[in-house]
């Protein structure tokens, strides 16, 4: 939401698919350039299109580390024209 122009709507959902919990968070922000998507989960990494927002580049690294500690994974999908969706998948036996 931090990078959403004008703090536009953030959508989220939580559900189960197969034997796992799925959390989806989508924004309508500036998006993540394709060349940055591989490194956004590295500590202290920030997108090349981030200019005036402050931050240390730790948020997504912490999210991925936490989800992986529970046996899950994080997927990122960028929409052309802006907006990003993060999908967190965690096995149910590890989520509870």
N, C-alpha and C. Protein backbone atom coordinates (compact mmCIF):
# COMPACT_ATOMS: atom_id res chain seq x y z
N UNK A 1 0.83 -1.19 0.00
CA UNK A 1 0.00 0.00 0.00
C UNK A 1 0.87 1.25 0.00
N UNK A 2 2.04 1.15 0.56
CA UNK A 2 2.95 2.29 0.65
C UNK A 2 3.23 2.91 -0.71
N UNK A 3 3.29 2.09 -1.74
CA UNK A 3 3.63 2.58 -3.08
C UNK A 3 2.42 2.81 -3.97
N UNK A 4 1.22 2.67 -3.42
CA UNK A 4 0.01 2.93 -4.18
C UNK A 4 -0.20 4.41 -4.31
N UNK A 5 -0.35 4.89 -5.53
CA UNK A 5 -0.56 6.30 -5.78
C UNK A 5 -1.83 6.76 -5.07
N UNK A 6 -1.69 7.77 -4.24
CA UNK A 6 -2.85 8.29 -3.52
C UNK A 6 -3.42 7.31 -2.53
N UNK A 7 -2.63 6.31 -2.15
CA UNK A 7 -3.07 5.29 -1.17
C UNK A 7 -4.35 4.59 -1.63
N UNK A 8 -4.35 4.21 -2.89
CA UNK A 8 -5.51 3.53 -3.46
C UNK A 8 -5.80 2.23 -2.73
N UNK A 9 -6.92 1.67 -3.06
CA UNK A 9 -7.42 0.48 -2.40
C UNK A 9 -6.43 -0.69 -2.44
N UNK A 10 -6.36 -1.38 -1.33
CA UNK A 10 -5.58 -2.59 -1.18
C UNK A 10 -6.58 -3.73 -0.99
N UNK A 11 -6.47 -4.78 -1.77
CA UNK A 11 -7.39 -5.91 -1.59
C UNK A 11 -6.63 -7.10 -1.02
N UNK A 12 -7.31 -7.85 -0.19
CA UNK A 12 -6.70 -9.02 0.44
C UNK A 12 -7.73 -10.11 0.56
N UNK A 13 -7.21 -11.34 0.54
CA UNK A 13 -8.09 -12.48 0.74
C UNK A 13 -7.30 -13.59 1.43
N UNK A 14 -8.02 -14.40 2.16
CA UNK A 14 -7.44 -15.55 2.84
C UNK A 14 -8.34 -16.73 2.56
N UNK A 15 -7.74 -17.85 2.21
CA UNK A 15 -8.53 -19.04 1.95
C UNK A 15 -7.67 -20.28 2.00
N UNK A 16 -8.26 -21.39 1.63
CA UNK A 16 -7.52 -22.65 1.58
C UNK A 16 -7.64 -23.24 0.18
N UNK A 17 -6.56 -23.82 -0.28
CA UNK A 17 -6.53 -24.52 -1.55
C UNK A 17 -5.73 -25.79 -1.31
N UNK A 18 -6.31 -26.91 -1.72
CA UNK A 18 -5.68 -28.21 -1.45
C UNK A 18 -5.38 -28.29 0.04
N UNK A 19 -4.21 -28.57 0.46
CA UNK A 19 -3.93 -28.68 1.89
C UNK A 19 -3.11 -27.49 2.37
N UNK A 20 -3.44 -26.30 1.85
CA UNK A 20 -2.68 -25.13 2.26
C UNK A 20 -3.52 -23.89 2.41
N UNK A 21 -2.97 -22.96 3.15
CA UNK A 21 -3.58 -21.66 3.32
C UNK A 21 -3.00 -20.73 2.26
N UNK A 22 -3.86 -19.90 1.65
CA UNK A 22 -3.42 -18.97 0.63
C UNK A 22 -3.86 -17.57 1.04
N UNK A 23 -2.89 -16.67 1.11
CA UNK A 23 -3.16 -15.26 1.42
C UNK A 23 -2.76 -14.47 0.19
N UNK A 24 -3.66 -13.64 -0.30
CA UNK A 24 -3.39 -12.82 -1.47
C UNK A 24 -3.56 -11.35 -1.10
N UNK A 25 -2.58 -10.55 -1.46
CA UNK A 25 -2.62 -9.11 -1.22
C UNK A 25 -2.31 -8.42 -2.55
N UNK A 26 -3.21 -7.54 -2.99
CA UNK A 26 -3.02 -6.82 -4.26
C UNK A 26 -3.13 -5.32 -4.02
N UNK A 27 -2.31 -4.57 -4.74
CA UNK A 27 -2.42 -3.12 -4.68
C UNK A 27 -2.55 -2.57 -6.09
N UNK A 28 -2.73 -1.28 -6.18
CA UNK A 28 -2.83 -0.60 -7.49
C UNK A 28 -1.72 0.44 -7.58
N UNK A 29 -0.56 0.06 -7.07
CA UNK A 29 0.55 0.99 -6.98
C UNK A 29 1.38 1.08 -8.24
N UNK A 30 2.65 1.43 -8.06
CA UNK A 30 3.56 1.70 -9.16
C UNK A 30 4.07 0.43 -9.85
N UNK A 31 3.82 -0.72 -9.25
CA UNK A 31 4.29 -1.97 -9.84
C UNK A 31 5.78 -2.19 -9.58
N UNK A 32 6.25 -3.35 -9.98
CA UNK A 32 7.65 -3.73 -9.81
C UNK A 32 8.21 -4.07 -11.18
N UNK A 33 9.21 -3.34 -11.63
CA UNK A 33 9.79 -3.63 -12.94
C UNK A 33 10.26 -5.09 -13.02
N UNK A 34 10.07 -5.73 -14.18
CA UNK A 34 10.46 -7.14 -14.33
C UNK A 34 11.91 -7.41 -13.94
N UNK A 35 12.80 -6.48 -14.24
CA UNK A 35 14.22 -6.69 -13.92
C UNK A 35 14.50 -6.64 -12.42
N UNK A 36 13.55 -6.13 -11.63
CA UNK A 36 13.72 -6.05 -10.18
C UNK A 36 13.05 -7.20 -9.43
N UNK A 37 12.19 -7.95 -10.10
CA UNK A 37 11.38 -8.94 -9.41
C UNK A 37 12.19 -10.07 -8.78
N UNK A 38 13.32 -10.42 -9.33
CA UNK A 38 14.15 -11.48 -8.76
C UNK A 38 14.80 -11.05 -7.45
N UNK A 39 15.08 -9.77 -7.29
CA UNK A 39 15.84 -9.31 -6.13
C UNK A 39 14.99 -8.66 -5.05
N UNK A 40 13.68 -8.51 -5.25
CA UNK A 40 12.88 -7.78 -4.27
C UNK A 40 12.80 -8.46 -2.91
N UNK A 41 13.12 -9.75 -2.86
CA UNK A 41 13.07 -10.46 -1.59
C UNK A 41 14.43 -10.48 -0.87
N UNK A 42 15.43 -9.85 -1.47
CA UNK A 42 16.74 -9.75 -0.84
C UNK A 42 16.73 -8.59 0.16
N UNK A 43 17.41 -8.78 1.27
CA UNK A 43 17.49 -7.73 2.28
C UNK A 43 18.12 -6.48 1.69
N UNK A 44 17.56 -5.35 2.03
CA UNK A 44 18.02 -4.01 1.63
C UNK A 44 17.86 -3.74 0.13
N UNK A 45 17.04 -4.52 -0.54
CA UNK A 45 16.79 -4.32 -1.96
C UNK A 45 15.49 -3.53 -2.14
N UNK A 46 15.51 -2.59 -3.05
CA UNK A 46 14.33 -1.80 -3.37
C UNK A 46 14.20 -1.71 -4.88
N UNK A 47 12.99 -1.55 -5.36
CA UNK A 47 12.76 -1.45 -6.79
C UNK A 47 13.43 -0.22 -7.38
N UNK A 48 13.86 -0.34 -8.63
CA UNK A 48 14.53 0.78 -9.29
C UNK A 48 13.58 1.94 -9.57
N UNK A 49 12.27 1.70 -9.50
CA UNK A 49 11.30 2.77 -9.76
C UNK A 49 10.86 3.49 -8.48
N UNK A 50 11.44 3.15 -7.34
CA UNK A 50 11.12 3.81 -6.08
C UNK A 50 11.97 5.07 -5.97
N UNK A 51 11.31 6.20 -5.83
CA UNK A 51 12.08 7.44 -5.78
C UNK A 51 11.91 8.19 -4.47
N UNK A 52 10.69 8.52 -4.09
CA UNK A 52 10.51 9.40 -2.94
C UNK A 52 9.97 8.72 -1.69
N UNK A 53 9.72 7.42 -1.70
CA UNK A 53 9.27 6.72 -0.51
C UNK A 53 10.47 6.24 0.29
N UNK A 54 10.41 6.43 1.60
CA UNK A 54 11.50 5.97 2.44
C UNK A 54 11.32 4.48 2.76
N UNK A 55 12.40 3.85 3.12
CA UNK A 55 12.36 2.45 3.50
C UNK A 55 13.74 1.84 3.47
N UNK A 56 13.89 0.74 4.18
CA UNK A 56 15.19 0.08 4.26
C UNK A 56 15.30 -1.12 3.32
N UNK A 57 14.18 -1.51 2.70
CA UNK A 57 14.23 -2.68 1.82
C UNK A 57 14.22 -3.98 2.59
N UNK A 58 13.55 -4.00 3.74
CA UNK A 58 13.50 -5.21 4.55
C UNK A 58 12.14 -5.90 4.57
N UNK A 59 11.08 -5.17 4.25
CA UNK A 59 9.72 -5.70 4.39
C UNK A 59 9.48 -7.01 3.67
N UNK A 60 9.75 -7.06 2.37
CA UNK A 60 9.49 -8.28 1.61
C UNK A 60 10.46 -9.40 1.98
N UNK A 61 11.68 -9.06 2.36
CA UNK A 61 12.63 -10.08 2.82
C UNK A 61 12.11 -10.75 4.08
N UNK A 62 11.55 -9.96 5.00
CA UNK A 62 10.99 -10.52 6.23
C UNK A 62 9.75 -11.36 5.96
N UNK A 63 8.90 -10.90 5.05
CA UNK A 63 7.71 -11.68 4.69
C UNK A 63 8.13 -13.04 4.14
N UNK A 64 9.06 -13.04 3.18
CA UNK A 64 9.48 -14.30 2.57
C UNK A 64 10.14 -15.22 3.60
N UNK A 65 10.98 -14.68 4.44
CA UNK A 65 11.66 -15.49 5.46
C UNK A 65 10.65 -16.13 6.41
N UNK A 66 9.64 -15.37 6.82
CA UNK A 66 8.61 -15.88 7.73
C UNK A 66 7.78 -16.97 7.07
N UNK A 67 7.36 -16.72 5.83
CA UNK A 67 6.55 -17.72 5.11
C UNK A 67 7.36 -19.00 4.88
N UNK A 68 8.61 -18.87 4.50
CA UNK A 68 9.46 -20.05 4.28
C UNK A 68 9.69 -20.82 5.58
N UNK A 69 9.78 -20.12 6.71
CA UNK A 69 9.95 -20.78 8.00
C UNK A 69 8.76 -21.69 8.32
N UNK A 70 7.62 -21.38 7.71
CA UNK A 70 6.41 -22.19 7.88
C UNK A 70 6.22 -23.18 6.74
N UNK A 71 7.25 -23.35 5.92
CA UNK A 71 7.19 -24.32 4.82
C UNK A 71 6.48 -23.83 3.58
N UNK A 72 6.28 -22.54 3.45
CA UNK A 72 5.54 -22.00 2.32
C UNK A 72 6.40 -21.24 1.34
N UNK A 73 5.72 -20.55 0.44
CA UNK A 73 6.43 -19.74 -0.54
C UNK A 73 5.62 -18.48 -0.85
N UNK A 74 6.30 -17.51 -1.47
CA UNK A 74 5.68 -16.24 -1.84
C UNK A 74 5.86 -16.04 -3.34
N UNK A 75 4.76 -15.75 -4.02
CA UNK A 75 4.81 -15.47 -5.46
C UNK A 75 4.43 -14.02 -5.69
N UNK A 76 5.05 -13.41 -6.68
CA UNK A 76 4.72 -12.03 -7.02
C UNK A 76 4.27 -11.96 -8.47
N UNK A 77 3.20 -11.22 -8.71
CA UNK A 77 2.68 -11.00 -10.06
C UNK A 77 2.49 -9.51 -10.24
N UNK A 78 3.08 -8.97 -11.27
CA UNK A 78 2.96 -7.55 -11.55
C UNK A 78 1.99 -7.37 -12.71
N UNK A 79 1.12 -6.37 -12.58
CA UNK A 79 0.16 -6.09 -13.65
C UNK A 79 0.68 -4.95 -14.50
N UNK A 80 0.61 -5.14 -15.79
CA UNK A 80 1.04 -4.07 -16.70
C UNK A 80 0.20 -2.84 -16.45
N UNK A 81 0.85 -1.70 -16.33
CA UNK A 81 0.14 -0.47 -16.05
C UNK A 81 0.06 -0.14 -14.58
N UNK A 82 0.60 -0.99 -13.73
CA UNK A 82 0.64 -0.70 -12.30
C UNK A 82 -0.11 -1.71 -11.47
N UNK A 83 0.37 -1.90 -10.29
CA UNK A 83 -0.26 -2.83 -9.36
C UNK A 83 0.51 -4.13 -9.27
N UNK A 84 0.50 -4.69 -8.08
CA UNK A 84 1.23 -5.92 -7.81
C UNK A 84 0.38 -6.81 -6.93
N UNK A 85 0.48 -8.12 -7.14
CA UNK A 85 -0.19 -9.10 -6.30
C UNK A 85 0.85 -10.02 -5.69
N UNK A 86 0.77 -10.19 -4.38
CA UNK A 86 1.60 -11.15 -3.67
C UNK A 86 0.71 -12.28 -3.19
N UNK A 87 1.13 -13.50 -3.47
CA UNK A 87 0.39 -14.68 -3.05
C UNK A 87 1.29 -15.49 -2.12
N UNK A 88 0.82 -15.68 -0.89
CA UNK A 88 1.54 -16.44 0.12
C UNK A 88 0.85 -17.78 0.26
N UNK A 89 1.60 -18.86 0.14
CA UNK A 89 1.04 -20.21 0.30
C UNK A 89 1.77 -20.89 1.43
N UNK A 90 0.99 -21.39 2.40
CA UNK A 90 1.56 -22.04 3.57
C UNK A 90 0.82 -23.35 3.79
N UNK A 91 1.54 -24.48 3.92
CA UNK A 91 0.87 -25.75 4.20
C UNK A 91 0.07 -25.64 5.50
N UNK A 92 -1.16 -26.17 5.51
CA UNK A 92 -2.01 -26.05 6.70
C UNK A 92 -1.41 -26.68 7.93
N UNK A 93 -0.72 -27.77 7.78
CA UNK A 93 -0.14 -28.41 8.98
C UNK A 93 0.91 -27.53 9.62
N UNK A 94 1.48 -26.59 8.89
CA UNK A 94 2.48 -25.67 9.43
C UNK A 94 1.87 -24.32 9.80
N UNK A 95 0.70 -24.02 9.27
CA UNK A 95 0.10 -22.70 9.47
C UNK A 95 -0.59 -22.58 10.83
N UNK A 96 -0.98 -23.67 11.40
CA UNK A 96 -1.75 -23.62 12.66
C UNK A 96 -0.87 -23.70 13.86
